[in-house]
Protein backbone atom coordinates (compact mmCIF):
# COMPACT_ATOMS: atom_id res chain seq x y z
CA UNK A 1 -113.97 -46.68 -122.80
CA UNK A 2 -113.17 -44.91 -119.56
CA UNK A 3 -111.38 -48.05 -118.26
CA UNK A 4 -109.17 -48.16 -121.35
CA UNK A 5 -108.26 -44.51 -120.92
CA UNK A 6 -107.36 -45.05 -117.25
CA UNK A 7 -105.31 -48.14 -118.14
CA UNK A 8 -103.45 -46.20 -120.86
CA UNK A 9 -102.80 -43.28 -118.48
CA UNK A 10 -101.49 -45.65 -115.77
CA UNK A 11 -99.24 -47.42 -118.29
CA UNK A 12 -97.82 -44.12 -119.57
CA UNK A 13 -97.18 -42.96 -116.01
CA UNK A 14 -95.38 -46.21 -115.16
CA UNK A 15 -93.21 -46.03 -118.28
CA UNK A 16 -92.33 -42.42 -117.55
CA UNK A 17 -90.52 -43.47 -114.36
CA UNK A 18 -88.15 -45.85 -116.23
CA UNK A 19 -84.91 -44.12 -117.34
CA UNK A 20 -84.41 -44.08 -121.09
CA UNK A 21 -82.27 -46.98 -122.32
CA UNK A 22 -80.47 -44.92 -124.95
CA UNK A 23 -79.33 -42.16 -122.63
CA UNK A 24 -75.64 -41.44 -122.18
CA UNK A 25 -74.06 -43.49 -119.39
CA UNK A 26 -73.32 -41.64 -116.17
CA UNK A 27 -69.82 -40.17 -115.96
CA UNK A 28 -67.16 -42.46 -114.55
CA UNK A 29 -66.03 -41.43 -111.10
CA UNK A 30 -62.80 -42.27 -109.33
CA UNK A 31 -62.84 -43.80 -105.87
CA UNK A 32 -59.83 -43.18 -103.62
CA UNK A 33 -59.08 -45.16 -100.49
CA UNK A 34 -56.04 -44.80 -98.24
CA UNK A 35 -55.09 -47.59 -95.87
CA UNK A 36 -51.76 -48.51 -94.22
CA UNK A 37 -49.80 -45.98 -96.28
CA UNK A 38 -51.20 -47.33 -99.56
CA UNK A 39 -53.44 -45.35 -101.91
CA UNK A 40 -55.85 -47.30 -104.09
CA UNK A 41 -57.67 -45.60 -106.96
CA UNK A 42 -60.51 -47.60 -108.55
CA UNK A 43 -63.06 -46.84 -111.22
CA UNK A 44 -65.72 -48.95 -112.97
CA UNK A 45 -65.63 -50.03 -116.59
CA UNK A 46 -67.35 -47.44 -118.75
CA UNK A 47 -70.16 -48.69 -120.98
CA UNK A 48 -69.05 -46.81 -124.07
CA UNK A 49 -69.01 -48.91 -127.24
CA UNK A 50 -66.33 -46.82 -128.91
CA UNK A 51 -64.01 -46.51 -125.91
CA UNK A 52 -60.42 -46.85 -127.06
CA UNK A 53 -58.52 -46.38 -123.81
CA UNK A 54 -58.62 -45.15 -120.24
CA UNK A 55 -55.98 -42.56 -119.43
CA UNK A 56 -55.24 -42.11 -115.72
CA UNK A 57 -53.10 -39.13 -114.76
CA UNK A 58 -51.61 -38.09 -111.42
CA UNK A 59 -50.05 -34.86 -110.13
CA UNK A 60 -48.92 -33.17 -106.95
CA UNK A 61 -49.83 -29.80 -108.49
CA UNK A 62 -53.18 -29.44 -110.22
CA UNK A 63 -51.53 -27.68 -113.18
CA UNK A 64 -49.03 -30.44 -114.03
CA UNK A 65 -50.63 -33.84 -114.62
CA UNK A 66 -48.53 -36.74 -115.92
CA UNK A 67 -49.71 -40.08 -117.29
CA UNK A 68 -49.69 -43.07 -114.98
CA UNK A 69 -47.92 -45.98 -116.77
CA UNK A 70 -50.55 -48.33 -118.19
CA UNK A 71 -48.72 -51.38 -116.80
CA UNK A 72 -49.39 -49.99 -113.29
CA UNK A 73 -53.16 -50.24 -113.77
CA UNK A 74 -54.74 -53.63 -113.02
CA UNK A 75 -57.83 -54.76 -114.90
CA UNK A 76 -60.56 -56.60 -112.98
CA UNK A 77 -64.01 -57.78 -114.08
CA UNK A 78 -65.66 -54.88 -112.26
CA UNK A 79 -63.27 -52.14 -113.34
CA UNK A 80 -59.73 -50.87 -112.97
CA UNK A 81 -57.38 -50.43 -109.99
CA UNK A 82 -54.24 -48.36 -109.48
CA UNK A 83 -52.23 -48.87 -106.29
CA UNK A 84 -49.44 -46.54 -105.14
CA UNK A 85 -47.69 -45.63 -101.90
CA UNK A 86 -48.90 -42.78 -99.74
CA UNK A 87 -45.50 -41.05 -99.94
CA UNK A 88 -47.12 -37.94 -101.40
CA UNK A 89 -49.82 -36.75 -99.00
CA UNK A 90 -51.35 -34.33 -101.53
CA UNK A 91 -51.95 -35.98 -104.85
CA UNK A 92 -54.51 -35.33 -107.58
CA UNK A 93 -55.91 -37.89 -110.02
CA UNK A 94 -57.61 -37.35 -113.37
CA UNK A 95 -59.25 -39.92 -115.67
CA UNK A 96 -59.81 -39.36 -119.37
CA UNK A 97 -61.91 -41.75 -121.44
CA UNK A 98 -60.57 -41.55 -124.99
CA UNK A 99 -62.90 -42.63 -127.77
CA UNK A 100 -62.06 -43.99 -131.20
CA UNK A 101 -62.08 -41.59 -134.13
CA UNK A 102 -65.24 -41.65 -136.23
CA UNK A 103 -63.38 -43.23 -139.19
CA UNK A 104 -61.92 -45.99 -136.99
CA UNK A 105 -65.37 -46.65 -135.53
CA UNK A 106 -66.96 -46.77 -139.00
CA UNK A 107 -64.20 -49.11 -140.23
CA UNK A 108 -64.68 -51.51 -137.31
CA UNK A 109 -68.48 -51.39 -137.66
CA UNK A 110 -68.33 -52.07 -141.41
CA UNK A 111 -66.02 -55.05 -140.91
CA UNK A 112 -68.19 -56.39 -138.08
CA UNK A 113 -71.34 -56.19 -140.15
CA UNK A 114 -70.11 -57.01 -143.67
CA UNK A 115 -67.37 -59.55 -142.92
CA UNK A 116 -66.59 -62.07 -140.24
CA UNK A 117 -65.09 -59.45 -137.94
CA UNK A 118 -62.03 -57.27 -138.28
CA UNK A 119 -58.69 -59.00 -138.77
CA UNK A 120 -55.50 -56.95 -138.51
CA UNK A 121 -54.92 -57.24 -142.28
CA UNK A 122 -58.47 -56.18 -143.13
CA UNK A 123 -58.33 -53.28 -140.65
CA UNK A 124 -55.14 -52.05 -142.31
CA UNK A 125 -56.57 -52.44 -145.83
CA UNK A 126 -59.92 -50.78 -145.04
CA UNK A 127 -58.17 -47.96 -143.18
CA UNK A 128 -56.03 -47.38 -146.28
CA UNK A 129 -58.90 -47.39 -148.83
CA UNK A 130 -61.56 -45.93 -146.53
CA UNK A 131 -64.75 -47.48 -145.15
CA UNK A 132 -66.98 -46.20 -147.96
CA UNK A 133 -64.73 -47.74 -150.64
CA UNK A 134 -64.89 -51.06 -148.77
CA UNK A 135 -68.70 -50.88 -148.60
CA UNK A 136 -68.87 -50.10 -152.34
CA UNK A 137 -66.50 -53.01 -153.02
CA UNK A 138 -68.75 -55.39 -151.07
CA UNK A 139 -71.83 -54.18 -152.95
CA UNK A 140 -70.15 -54.94 -156.30
CA UNK A 141 -68.77 -58.49 -155.86
CA UNK A 142 -67.92 -58.87 -159.55
CA UNK A 143 -65.08 -56.38 -159.02
CA UNK A 144 -63.45 -58.42 -156.24
CA UNK A 145 -60.53 -60.50 -157.51
CA UNK A 146 -60.59 -64.20 -156.67
CA UNK A 147 -57.73 -65.05 -154.33
CA UNK A 148 -58.12 -68.83 -154.14
CA UNK A 149 -55.49 -70.94 -155.82
CA UNK A 150 -57.21 -72.91 -158.61
CA UNK A 151 -54.21 -75.23 -158.99
CA UNK A 152 -54.52 -76.34 -155.39
CA UNK A 153 -58.26 -76.91 -155.84
CA UNK A 154 -57.72 -79.09 -158.94
CA UNK A 155 -55.01 -81.12 -157.16
CA UNK A 156 -57.30 -81.67 -154.16
CA UNK A 157 -60.17 -82.64 -156.46
CA UNK A 158 -57.96 -85.16 -158.27
CA UNK A 159 -56.83 -86.64 -154.93
CA UNK A 160 -60.44 -86.97 -153.78
CA UNK A 161 -61.57 -88.63 -157.01
CA UNK A 162 -58.73 -91.16 -156.91
CA UNK A 163 -59.45 -92.04 -153.27
CA UNK A 164 -63.13 -92.75 -153.89
CA UNK A 165 -62.28 -94.68 -157.10
CA UNK A 166 -64.62 -92.89 -159.46
CA UNK A 167 -63.98 -94.09 -163.05
CA UNK A 168 -63.16 -91.31 -165.54
CA UNK A 169 -66.33 -91.97 -167.58
CA UNK A 170 -68.61 -91.59 -164.51
CA UNK A 171 -67.27 -88.26 -163.33
CA UNK A 172 -69.95 -85.61 -163.37
CA UNK A 173 -72.81 -88.11 -163.84
CA UNK A 174 -75.59 -88.32 -161.31
CA UNK A 175 -76.64 -91.87 -160.39
């Protein structure tokens, strides 16, 4: 009994040193390097599932930040890079991580889980009717209108039956 208690205490102590997996990710920090009159600002990719965009801003005065054009930021597997000249010796940089709205996140999650992923048309439709209406619609399939063209199906069926040479009297019979 005493061995079990010691083993349980040792296991709890070992697990207490592991950081929690569901904790918020550490804040993203900017790294600035200056070499040969070129400034390079880099930052890692943030592990936020609802991240919509990175917004890098620069200023020569801390009170007047302006957006850096998004086409000036390069994307790499490890993160992002912004390269500029060192013409301005005093320059400030700010990074904002903008998240999706809660409705946009719920819409994307509902389409990921209830459909085969969000298509642009479905995103537009679900945004218009609301995520809860889409969920209710999926839970009541008898209310969903059939969009397949029955004429096309009957033409294809007729083509198939004529190609395999099934006599009219044998159609629908199991041999």
